[in-house]
Amino acid sequence: MRTRKIIREEIIIDDEYYYQVIRYNIKKNRLEKKLTQQELADLTGYTRGYICDIENQLRNKHFSLVALARISFALQKNICDFFTYKNDST
């Protein structure tokens, strides 16, 4: 009996990919709820500047899982929803 070697192609995704996806989803969900950055900041206890830093990909601000949990709670979304990129324009 011959054994087959199965080679699986793996896609390596770095940390920055997930930060970009989460940033995109935070902003998208905030806008869907018609909230300003200040209103989201008030709901989470963070500053408007911190929310702006998180949403702005050019600033490359990293944030904690706790921050994401507080934001997801404020936006009334499951935290898992922030890890998947769904482009609504397609």
PDB file of N, CA and C in Angstrom:
ATOM      1  N   MET A   1       0.839  -1.170   0.000  1.00  0.00           N
ATOM      2  CA  MET A   1       0.000   0.000   0.000  1.00  0.00           C
ATOM      3  C   MET A   1       0.888   1.239   0.000  1.00  0.00           C
ATOM      4  N   ARG A   2       0.588   2.149  -0.887  1.00  0.00           N
ATOM      5  CA  ARG A   2       1.360   3.383  -0.991  1.00  0.00           C
ATOM      6  C   ARG A   2       0.719   4.466  -0.137  1.00  0.00           C
ATOM      7  N   THR A   3       1.525   5.206   0.517  1.00  0.00           N
ATOM      8  CA  THR A   3       1.011   6.356   1.273  1.00  0.00           C
ATOM      9  C   THR A   3       1.134   7.605   0.407  1.00  0.00           C
ATOM     10  N   ARG A   4       0.119   8.385   0.488  1.00  0.00           N
ATOM     11  CA  ARG A   4       0.134   9.637  -0.275  1.00  0.00           C
ATOM     12  C   ARG A   4       0.504  10.786   0.650  1.00  0.00           C
ATOM     13  N   LYS A   5       1.307  11.622   0.103  1.00  0.00           N
ATOM     14  CA  LYS A   5       1.677  12.815   0.848  1.00  0.00           C
ATOM     15  C   LYS A   5       0.798  13.956   0.352  1.00  0.00           C
ATOM     16  N   ILE A   6       0.023  14.494   1.250  1.00  0.00           N
ATOM     17  CA  ILE A   6      -0.860  15.593   0.881  1.00  0.00           C
ATOM     18  C   ILE A   6      -0.190  16.900   1.268  1.00  0.00           C
ATOM     19  N   ILE A   7      -0.014  17.723   0.297  1.00  0.00           N
ATOM     20  CA  ILE A   7       0.588  19.023   0.539  1.00  0.00           C
ATOM     21  C   ILE A   7      -0.526  20.057   0.552  1.00  0.00           C
ATOM     22  N   ARG A   8      -0.608  20.764   1.636  1.00  0.00           N
ATOM     23  CA  ARG A   8      -1.656  21.761   1.797  1.00  0.00           C
ATOM     24  C   ARG A   8      -1.044  23.145   1.645  1.00  0.00           C
ATOM     25  N   GLU A   9      -1.645  23.922   0.775  1.00  0.00           N
ATOM     26  CA  GLU A   9      -1.177  25.289   0.594  1.00  0.00           C
ATOM     27  C   GLU A   9      -1.730  26.133   1.737  1.00  0.00           C
ATOM     28  N   GLU A  10      -0.866  26.810   2.409  1.00  0.00           N
ATOM     29  CA  GLU A  10      -1.289  27.640   3.523  1.00  0.00           C
ATOM     30  C   GLU A  10      -1.117  29.106   3.176  1.00  0.00           C
ATOM     31  N   ILE A  11      -2.092  29.858   3.570  1.00  0.00           N
ATOM     32  CA  ILE A  11      -2.031  31.296   3.375  1.00  0.00           C
ATOM     33  C   ILE A  11      -1.655  31.909   4.711  1.00  0.00           C
ATOM     34  N   ILE A  12      -0.588  32.647   4.700  1.00  0.00           N
ATOM     35  CA  ILE A  12      -0.130  33.280   5.930  1.00  0.00           C
ATOM     36  C   ILE A  12      -0.633  34.720   5.938  1.00  0.00           C
ATOM     37  N   ILE A  13      -1.388  35.036   6.972  1.00  0.00           N
ATOM     38  CA  ILE A  13      -1.931  36.374   7.111  1.00  0.00           C
ATOM     39  C   ILE A  13      -1.266  37.009   8.324  1.00  0.00           C
ATOM     40  N   ASP A  14      -0.722  38.193   8.125  1.00  0.00           N
ATOM     41  CA  ASP A  14      -0.030  38.838   9.236  1.00  0.00           C
ATOM     42  C   ASP A  14      -0.995  39.632  10.112  1.00  0.00           C
ATOM     43  N   ASP A  15      -0.488  40.115  11.228  1.00  0.00           N
ATOM     44  CA  ASP A  15      -1.300  40.849  12.197  1.00  0.00           C
ATOM     45  C   ASP A  15      -1.956  42.073  11.583  1.00  0.00           C
ATOM     46  N   GLU A  16      -1.241  42.771  10.727  1.00  0.00           N
ATOM     47  CA  GLU A  16      -1.767  44.008  10.150  1.00  0.00           C
ATOM     48  C   GLU A  16      -3.046  43.766   9.338  1.00  0.00           C
ATOM     49  N   TYR A  17      -3.136  42.613   8.714  1.00  0.00           N
ATOM     50  CA  TYR A  17      -4.358  42.287   7.974  1.00  0.00           C
ATOM     51  C   TYR A  17      -5.563  42.329   8.911  1.00  0.00           C
ATOM     52  N   TYR A  18      -5.447  41.704  10.070  1.00  0.00           N
ATOM     53  CA  TYR A  18      -6.570  41.679  11.008  1.00  0.00           C
ATOM     54  C   TYR A  18      -6.870  43.061  11.572  1.00  0.00           C
ATOM     55  N   TYR A  19      -5.837  43.845  11.851  1.00  0.00           N
ATOM     56  CA  TYR A  19      -6.082  45.204  12.314  1.00  0.00           C
ATOM     57  C   TYR A  19      -6.848  46.004  11.252  1.00  0.00           C
ATOM     58  N   GLN A  20      -6.487  45.836   9.990  1.00  0.00           N
ATOM     59  CA  GLN A  20      -7.180  46.552   8.917  1.00  0.00           C
ATOM     60  C   GLN A  20      -8.634  46.110   8.800  1.00  0.00           C
ATOM     61  N   VAL A  21      -8.871  44.824   8.869  1.00  0.00           N
ATOM     62  CA  VAL A  21     -10.238  44.304   8.783  1.00  0.00           C
ATOM     63  C   VAL A  21     -11.073  44.817   9.951  1.00  0.00           C
ATOM     64  N   ILE A  22     -10.537  44.776  11.148  1.00  0.00           N
ATOM     65  CA  ILE A  22     -11.268  45.234  12.331  1.00  0.00           C
ATOM     66  C   ILE A  22     -11.538  46.728  12.244  1.00  0.00           C
ATOM     67  N   ARG A  23     -10.529  47.509  11.840  1.00  0.00           N
ATOM     68  CA  ARG A  23     -10.728  48.959  11.677  1.00  0.00           C
ATOM     69  C   ARG A  23     -11.869  49.245  10.715  1.00  0.00           C
ATOM     70  N   TYR A  24     -11.831  48.557   9.570  1.00  0.00           N
ATOM     71  CA  TYR A  24     -12.874  48.731   8.555  1.00  0.00           C
ATOM     72  C   TYR A  24     -14.250  48.431   9.153  1.00  0.00           C
ATOM     73  N   ASN A  25     -14.355  47.326   9.876  1.00  0.00           N
ATOM     74  CA  ASN A  25     -15.643  46.916  10.435  1.00  0.00           C
ATOM     75  C   ASN A  25     -16.122  47.839  11.553  1.00  0.00           C
ATOM     76  N   ILE A  26     -15.217  48.357  12.349  1.00  0.00           N
ATOM     77  CA  ILE A  26     -15.622  49.311  13.388  1.00  0.00           C
ATOM     78  C   ILE A  26     -16.243  50.537  12.742  1.00  0.00           C
ATOM     79  N   LYS A  27     -15.555  51.098  11.771  1.00  0.00           N
ATOM     80  CA  LYS A  27     -16.066  52.311  11.114  1.00  0.00           C
ATOM     81  C   LYS A  27     -17.376  52.027  10.392  1.00  0.00           C
ATOM     82  N   LYS A  28     -17.437  50.909   9.676  1.00  0.00           N
ATOM     83  CA  LYS A  28     -18.654  50.553   8.930  1.00  0.00           C
ATOM     84  C   LYS A  28     -19.843  50.410   9.877  1.00  0.00           C
ATOM     85  N   ASN A  29     -19.655  49.716  10.968  1.00  0.00           N
ATOM     86  CA  ASN A  29     -20.746  49.515  11.923  1.00  0.00           C
ATOM     87  C   ASN A  29     -21.121  50.805  12.647  1.00  0.00           C
ATOM     88  N   ARG A  30     -20.133  51.629  12.936  1.00  0.00           N
ATOM     89  CA  ARG A  30     -20.419  52.912  13.575  1.00  0.00           C
ATOM     90  C   ARG A  30     -21.277  53.779  12.661  1.00  0.00           C
ATOM     91  N   LEU A  31     -20.913  53.818  11.383  1.00  0.00           N
ATOM     92  CA  LEU A  31     -21.679  54.619  10.418  1.00  0.00           C
ATOM     93  C   LEU A  31     -23.074  54.050  10.192  1.00  0.00           C
ATOM     94  N   GLU A  32     -23.203  52.715  10.186  1.00  0.00           N
ATOM     95  CA  GLU A  32     -24.528  52.094  10.043  1.00  0.00           C
ATOM     96  C   GLU A  32     -25.435  52.467  11.204  1.00  0.00           C
ATOM     97  N   LYS A  33     -24.855  52.621  12.390  1.00  0.00           N
ATOM     98  CA  LYS A  33     -25.627  53.022  13.577  1.00  0.00           C
ATOM     99  C   LYS A  33     -25.822  54.543  13.644  1.00  0.00           C
ATOM    100  N   LYS A  34     -25.251  55.236  12.637  1.00  0.00           N
ATOM    101  CA  LYS A  34     -25.335  56.698  12.556  1.00  0.00           C
ATOM    102  C   LYS A  34     -24.749  57.374  13.802  1.00  0.00           C
ATOM    103  N   LEU A  35     -23.628  56.830  14.259  1.00  0.00           N
ATOM    104  CA  LEU A  35     -22.930  57.390  15.408  1.00  0.00           C
ATOM    105  C   LEU A  35     -21.706  58.167  14.939  1.00  0.00           C
ATOM    106  N   THR A  36     -21.420  59.264  15.609  1.00  0.00           N
ATOM    107  CA  THR A  36     -20.173  59.976  15.368  1.00  0.00           C
ATOM    108  C   THR A  36     -19.076  59.283  16.169  1.00  0.00           C
ATOM    109  N   GLN A  37     -17.839  59.648  15.877  1.00  0.00           N
ATOM    110  CA  GLN A  37     -16.738  59.100  16.671  1.00  0.00           C
ATOM    111  C   GLN A  37     -16.881  59.526  18.128  1.00  0.00           C
ATOM    112  N   GLN A  38     -17.348  60.746  18.360  1.00  0.00           N
ATOM    113  CA  GLN A  38     -17.524  61.224  19.732  1.00  0.00           C
ATOM    114  C   GLN A  38     -18.592  60.407  20.455  1.00  0.00           C
ATOM    115  N   GLU A  39     -19.686  60.086  19.763  1.00  0.00           N
ATOM    116  CA  GLU A  39     -20.747  59.297  20.394  1.00  0.00           C
ATOM    117  C   GLU A  39     -20.261  57.889  20.738  1.00  0.00           C
ATOM    118  N   LEU A  40     -19.484  57.292  19.836  1.00  0.00           N
ATOM    119  CA  LEU A  40     -18.925  55.967  20.136  1.00  0.00           C
ATOM    120  C   LEU A  40     -17.937  56.065  21.297  1.00  0.00           C
ATOM    121  N   ALA A  41     -17.163  57.116  21.306  1.00  0.00           N
ATOM    122  CA  ALA A  41     -16.225  57.326  22.416  1.00  0.00           C
ATOM    123  C   ALA A  41     -16.978  57.430  23.737  1.00  0.00           C
ATOM    124  N   ASP A  42     -18.066  58.176  23.751  1.00  0.00           N
ATOM    125  CA  ASP A  42     -18.865  58.326  24.971  1.00  0.00           C
ATOM    126  C   ASP A  42     -19.429  56.987  25.438  1.00  0.00           C
ATOM    127  N   LEU A  43     -19.837  56.146  24.491  1.00  0.00           N
ATOM    128  CA  LEU A  43     -20.403  54.837  24.839  1.00  0.00           C
ATOM    129  C   LEU A  43     -19.351  53.869  25.388  1.00  0.00           C
ATOM    130  N   THR A  44     -18.113  54.050  24.967  1.00  0.00           N
ATOM    131  CA  THR A  44     -17.052  53.117  25.364  1.00  0.00           C
ATOM    132  C   THR A  44     -16.195  53.619  26.522  1.00  0.00           C
ATOM    133  N   GLY A  45     -16.239  54.915  26.775  1.00  0.00           N
ATOM    134  CA  GLY A  45     -15.375  55.488  27.795  1.00  0.00           C
ATOM    135  C   GLY A  45     -14.007  55.874  27.266  1.00  0.00           C
ATOM    136  N   TYR A  46     -13.800  55.748  25.964  1.00  0.00           N
ATOM    137  CA  TYR A  46     -12.555  56.173  25.336  1.00  0.00           C
ATOM    138  C   TYR A  46     -12.708  57.604  24.840  1.00  0.00           C
ATOM    139  N   THR A  47     -11.618  58.190  24.399  1.00  0.00           N
ATOM    140  CA  THR A  47     -11.682  59.537  23.834  1.00  0.00           C
ATOM    141  C   THR A  47     -11.994  59.457  22.340  1.00  0.00           C
ATOM    142  N   ARG A  48     -12.481  60.572  21.792  1.00  0.00           N
ATOM    143  CA  ARG A  48     -12.740  60.618  20.357  1.00  0.00           C
ATOM    144  C   ARG A  48     -11.433  60.412  19.594  1.00  0.00           C
ATOM    145  N   GLY A  49     -10.350  60.957  20.118  1.00  0.00           N
ATOM    146  CA  GLY A  49      -9.048  60.786  19.474  1.00  0.00           C
ATOM    147  C   GLY A  49      -8.619  59.336  19.387  1.00  0.00           C
ATOM    148  N   TYR A  50      -8.916  58.564  20.427  1.00  0.00           N
ATOM    149  CA  TYR A  50      -8.557  57.141  20.429  1.00  0.00           C
ATOM    150  C   TYR A  50      -9.386  56.387  19.385  1.00  0.00           C
ATOM    151  N   ILE A  51     -10.681  56.683  19.321  1.00  0.00           N
ATOM    152  CA  ILE A  51     -11.539  56.049  18.301  1.00  0.00           C
ATOM    153  C   ILE A  51     -11.048  56.430  16.910  1.00  0.00           C
ATOM    154  N   CYS A  52     -10.691  57.688  16.732  1.00  0.00           N
ATOM    155  CA  CYS A  52     -10.158  58.149  15.445  1.00  0.00           C
ATOM    156  C   CYS A  52      -8.872  57.400  15.101  1.00  0.00           C
ATOM    157  N   ASP A  53      -7.992  57.250  16.089  1.00  0.00           N
ATOM    158  CA  ASP A  53      -6.738  56.515  15.867  1.00  0.00           C
ATOM    159  C   ASP A  53      -7.000  55.074  15.446  1.00  0.00           C
ATOM    160  N   ILE A  54      -7.963  54.438  16.076  1.00  0.00           N
ATOM    161  CA  ILE A  54      -8.289  53.054  15.742  1.00  0.00           C
ATOM    162  C   ILE A  54      -8.823  52.958  14.312  1.00  0.00           C
ATOM    163  N   GLU A  55      -9.743  53.833  13.949  1.00  0.00           N
ATOM    164  CA  GLU A  55     -10.363  53.768  12.623  1.00  0.00           C
ATOM    165  C   GLU A  55      -9.416  54.180  11.499  1.00  0.00           C
ATOM    166  N   ASN A  56      -8.483  55.050  11.781  1.00  0.00           N
ATOM    167  CA  ASN A  56      -7.600  55.594  10.755  1.00  0.00           C
ATOM    168  C   ASN A  56      -6.436  54.650  10.501  1.00  0.00           C
ATOM    169  N   GLN A  57      -6.454  53.992   9.361  1.00  0.00           N
ATOM    170  CA  GLN A  57      -5.429  53.005   9.037  1.00  0.00           C
ATOM    171  C   GLN A  57      -4.053  53.629   8.861  1.00  0.00           C
ATOM    172  N   LEU A  58      -3.997  54.891   8.520  1.00  0.00           N
ATOM    173  CA  LEU A  58      -2.710  55.544   8.307  1.00  0.00           C
ATOM    174  C   LEU A  58      -1.957  55.757   9.620  1.00  0.00           C
ATOM    175  N   ARG A  59      -2.667  55.809  10.725  1.00  0.00           N
ATOM    176  CA  ARG A  59      -2.021  56.035  12.016  1.00  0.00           C
ATOM    177  C   ARG A  59      -1.445  54.751  12.602  1.00  0.00           C
ATOM    178  N   ASN A  60      -1.889  53.604  12.075  1.00  0.00           N
ATOM    179  CA  ASN A  60      -1.349  52.305  12.478  1.00  0.00           C
ATOM    180  C   ASN A  60      -1.420  52.090  13.995  1.00  0.00           C
ATOM    181  N   LYS A  61      -2.520  52.516  14.591  1.00  0.00           N
ATOM    182  CA  LYS A  61      -2.702  52.385  16.042  1.00  0.00           C
ATOM    183  C   LYS A  61      -3.159  50.967  16.358  1.00  0.00           C
ATOM    184  N   HIS A  62      -2.420  50.284  17.207  1.00  0.00           N
ATOM    185  CA  HIS A  62      -2.843  48.961  17.646  1.00  0.00           C
ATOM    186  C   HIS A  62      -3.697  49.111  18.895  1.00  0.00           C
ATOM    187  N   PHE A  63      -4.632  48.224  19.048  1.00  0.00           N
ATOM    188  CA  PHE A  63      -5.564  48.303  20.169  1.00  0.00           C
ATOM    189  C   PHE A  63      -5.714  46.915  20.762  1.00  0.00           C
ATOM    190  N   SER A  64      -6.223  46.884  21.972  1.00  0.00           N
ATOM    191  CA  SER A  64      -6.319  45.612  22.696  1.00  0.00           C
ATOM    192  C   SER A  64      -7.639  44.906  22.397  1.00  0.00           C
ATOM    193  N   LEU A  65      -7.682  43.656  22.794  1.00  0.00           N
ATOM    194  CA  LEU A  65      -8.905  42.872  22.681  1.00  0.00           C
ATOM    195  C   LEU A  65      -9.990  43.460  23.577  1.00  0.00           C
ATOM    196  N   VAL A  66      -9.585  44.006  24.720  1.00  0.00           N
ATOM    197  CA  VAL A  66     -10.540  44.647  25.628  1.00  0.00           C
ATOM    198  C   VAL A  66     -11.178  45.853  24.944  1.00  0.00           C
ATOM    199  N   ALA A  67     -10.372  46.651  24.251  1.00  0.00           N
ATOM    200  CA  ALA A  67     -10.909  47.808  23.527  1.00  0.00           C
ATOM    201  C   ALA A  67     -11.911  47.349  22.469  1.00  0.00           C
ATOM    202  N   LEU A  68     -11.574  46.296  21.737  1.00  0.00           N
ATOM    203  CA  LEU A  68     -12.490  45.774  20.726  1.00  0.00           C
ATOM    204  C   LEU A  68     -13.773  45.263  21.373  1.00  0.00           C
ATOM    205  N   ALA A  69     -13.662  44.612  22.509  1.00  0.00           N
ATOM    206  CA  ALA A  69     -14.855  44.106  23.204  1.00  0.00           C
ATOM    207  C   ALA A  69     -15.761  45.259  23.632  1.00  0.00           C
ATOM    208  N   ARG A  70     -15.177  46.330  24.155  1.00  0.00           N
ATOM    209  CA  ARG A  70     -15.979  47.488  24.569  1.00  0.00           C
ATOM    210  C   ARG A  70     -16.657  48.141  23.367  1.00  0.00           C
ATOM    211  N   ILE A  71     -15.941  48.227  22.263  1.00  0.00           N
ATOM    212  CA  ILE A  71     -16.512  48.821  21.049  1.00  0.00           C
ATOM    213  C   ILE A  71     -17.621  47.937  20.492  1.00  0.00           C
ATOM    214  N   SER A  72     -17.397  46.631  20.454  1.00  0.00           N
ATOM    215  CA  SER A  72     -18.429  45.725  19.930  1.00  0.00           C
ATOM    216  C   SER A  72     -19.682  45.765  20.801  1.00  0.00           C
ATOM    217  N   PHE A  73     -19.510  45.863  22.120  1.00  0.00           N
ATOM    218  CA  PHE A  73     -20.650  45.977  23.032  1.00  0.00           C
ATOM    219  C   PHE A  73     -21.404  47.278  22.762  1.00  0.00           C
ATOM    220  N   ALA A  74     -20.685  48.370  22.594  1.00  0.00           N
ATOM    221  CA  ALA A  74     -21.314  49.672  22.335  1.00  0.00           C
ATOM    222  C   ALA A  74     -22.068  49.672  21.009  1.00  0.00           C
ATOM    223  N   LEU A  75     -21.533  48.955  20.029  1.00  0.00           N
ATOM    224  CA  LEU A  75     -22.180  48.891  18.709  1.00  0.00           C
ATOM    225  C   LEU A  75     -23.210  47.762  18.625  1.00  0.00           C
ATOM    226  N   GLN A  76     -23.368  47.024  19.718  1.00  0.00           N
ATOM    227  CA  GLN A  76     -24.322  45.915  19.800  1.00  0.00           C
ATOM    228  C   GLN A  76     -24.070  44.863  18.714  1.00  0.00           C
ATOM    229  N   LYS A  77     -22.795  44.515  18.574  1.00  0.00           N
ATOM    230  CA  LYS A  77     -22.389  43.513  17.593  1.00  0.00           C
ATOM    231  C   LYS A  77     -21.605  42.422  18.309  1.00  0.00           C
ATOM    232  N   ASN A  78     -21.632  41.228  17.744  1.00  0.00           N
ATOM    233  CA  ASN A  78     -20.819  40.129  18.242  1.00  0.00           C
ATOM    234  C   ASN A  78     -19.366  40.426  17.887  1.00  0.00           C
ATOM    235  N   ILE A  79     -18.477  40.239  18.823  1.00  0.00           N
ATOM    236  CA  ILE A  79     -17.067  40.552  18.582  1.00  0.00           C
ATOM    237  C   ILE A  79     -16.511  39.776  17.381  1.00  0.00           C
ATOM    238  N   CYS A  80     -17.031  38.595  17.134  1.00  0.00           N
ATOM    239  CA  CYS A  80     -16.567  37.782  16.004  1.00  0.00           C
ATOM    240  C   CYS A  80     -16.836  38.454  14.657  1.00  0.00           C
ATOM    241  N   ASP A  81     -17.880  39.271  14.599  1.00  0.00           N
ATOM    242  CA  ASP A  81     -18.238  39.946  13.347  1.00  0.00           C
ATOM    243  C   ASP A  81     -17.149  40.896  12.863  1.00  0.00           C
ATOM    244  N   PHE A  82     -16.288  41.333  13.745  1.00  0.00           N
ATOM    245  CA  PHE A  82     -15.262  42.305  13.379  1.00  0.00           C
ATOM    246  C   PHE A  82     -14.050  41.673  12.704  1.00  0.00           C
ATOM    247  N   PHE A  83     -13.966  40.350  12.706  1.00  0.00           N
ATOM    248  CA  PHE A  83     -12.802  39.676  12.147  1.00  0.00           C
ATOM    249  C   PHE A  83     -12.970  39.247  10.690  1.00  0.00           C
ATOM    250  N   THR A  84     -14.133  39.483  10.109  1.00  0.00           N
ATOM    251  CA  THR A  84     -14.401  39.066   8.739  1.00  0.00           C
ATOM    252  C   THR A  84     -14.622  40.274   7.856  1.00  0.00           C
ATOM    253  N   TYR A  85     -13.908  40.310   6.743  1.00  0.00           N
ATOM    254  CA  TYR A  85     -14.070  41.419   5.797  1.00  0.00           C
ATOM    255  C   TYR A  85     -15.185  41.081   4.821  1.00  0.00           C
ATOM    256  N   LYS A  86     -16.182  41.943   4.789  1.00  0.00           N
ATOM    257  CA  LYS A  86     -17.277  41.793   3.830  1.00  0.00           C
ATOM    258  C   LYS A  86     -17.448  43.118   3.125  1.00  0.00           C
ATOM    259  N   ASN A  87     -17.087  43.142   1.846  1.00  0.00           N
ATOM    260  CA  ASN A  87     -17.209  44.363   1.065  1.00  0.00           C
ATOM    261  C   ASN A  87     -18.634  44.464   0.563  1.00  0.00           C
ATOM    262  N   ASP A  88     -19.355  45.456   1.044  1.00  0.00           N
ATOM    263  CA  ASP A  88     -20.759  45.618   0.695  1.00  0.00           C
ATOM    264  C   ASP A  88     -20.977  46.129  -0.715  1.00  0.00           C
ATOM    265  N   SER A  89     -19.915  46.596  -1.372  1.00  0.00           N
ATOM    266  CA  SER A  89     -20.073  47.176  -2.697  1.00  0.00           C
ATOM    267  C   SER A  89     -20.044  46.143  -3.807  1.00  0.00           C
ATOM    268  N   THR A  90     -19.786  44.871  -3.469  1.00  0.00           N
ATOM    269  CA  THR A  90     -19.736  43.839  -4.513  1.00  0.00           C
ATOM    270  C   THR A  90     -21.050  43.128  -4.641  1.00  0.00           C
TER     271      THR A  90
END
